[in-house]
Protein backbone atom coordinates (compact mmCIF):
# COMPACT_ATOMS: atom_id res chain seq x y z
CA UNK A 1 -15.59 -8.04 -0.12
CA UNK A 2 -12.01 -7.81 -2.02
CA UNK A 3 -11.68 -4.38 -3.26
CA UNK A 4 -8.73 -3.42 -6.28
CA UNK A 5 -7.16 -0.15 -6.67
CA UNK A 6 -4.99 0.65 -9.35
CA UNK A 7 -1.97 3.15 -8.04
CA UNK A 8 0.22 4.42 -10.63
CA UNK A 9 4.07 6.10 -9.78
CA UNK A 10 7.19 4.58 -7.41
CA UNK A 11 7.59 3.20 -4.30
CA UNK A 12 9.94 5.21 -2.07
CA UNK A 13 10.31 2.42 0.27
CA UNK A 14 9.80 -0.75 0.57
CA UNK A 15 5.67 -1.90 2.04
CA UNK A 16 5.40 -1.91 5.51
CA UNK A 17 3.76 -5.10 6.39
CA UNK A 18 1.95 -6.11 9.73
CA UNK A 19 -0.85 -8.05 10.77
CA UNK A 20 -4.30 -6.57 12.83
CA UNK A 21 -5.22 -8.63 16.01
CA UNK A 22 -7.65 -11.07 14.13
CA UNK A 23 -4.41 -12.00 11.39
CA UNK A 24 -5.27 -9.82 8.99
CA UNK A 25 -3.07 -8.48 6.73
CA UNK A 26 -2.60 -4.80 5.55
CA UNK A 27 0.69 -3.05 3.96
CA UNK A 28 1.46 0.54 4.02
CA UNK A 29 4.06 2.15 2.13
CA UNK A 30 4.18 5.43 0.00
CA UNK A 31 3.76 6.29 -4.00
CA UNK A 32 5.60 9.52 -4.62
CA UNK A 33 3.76 10.65 -8.04
CA UNK A 34 3.58 13.41 -10.91
CA UNK A 35 1.62 16.80 -10.19
CA UNK A 36 0.91 17.50 -13.33
């Protein structure tokens, strides 16, 4: 199953890509958004 998510904002730095022991890619990043 594939999940799709749309996020709107500014990435504060480059995403970090790593792999789980079962070789599944996982990306970690931070997102800055306006809270109005």
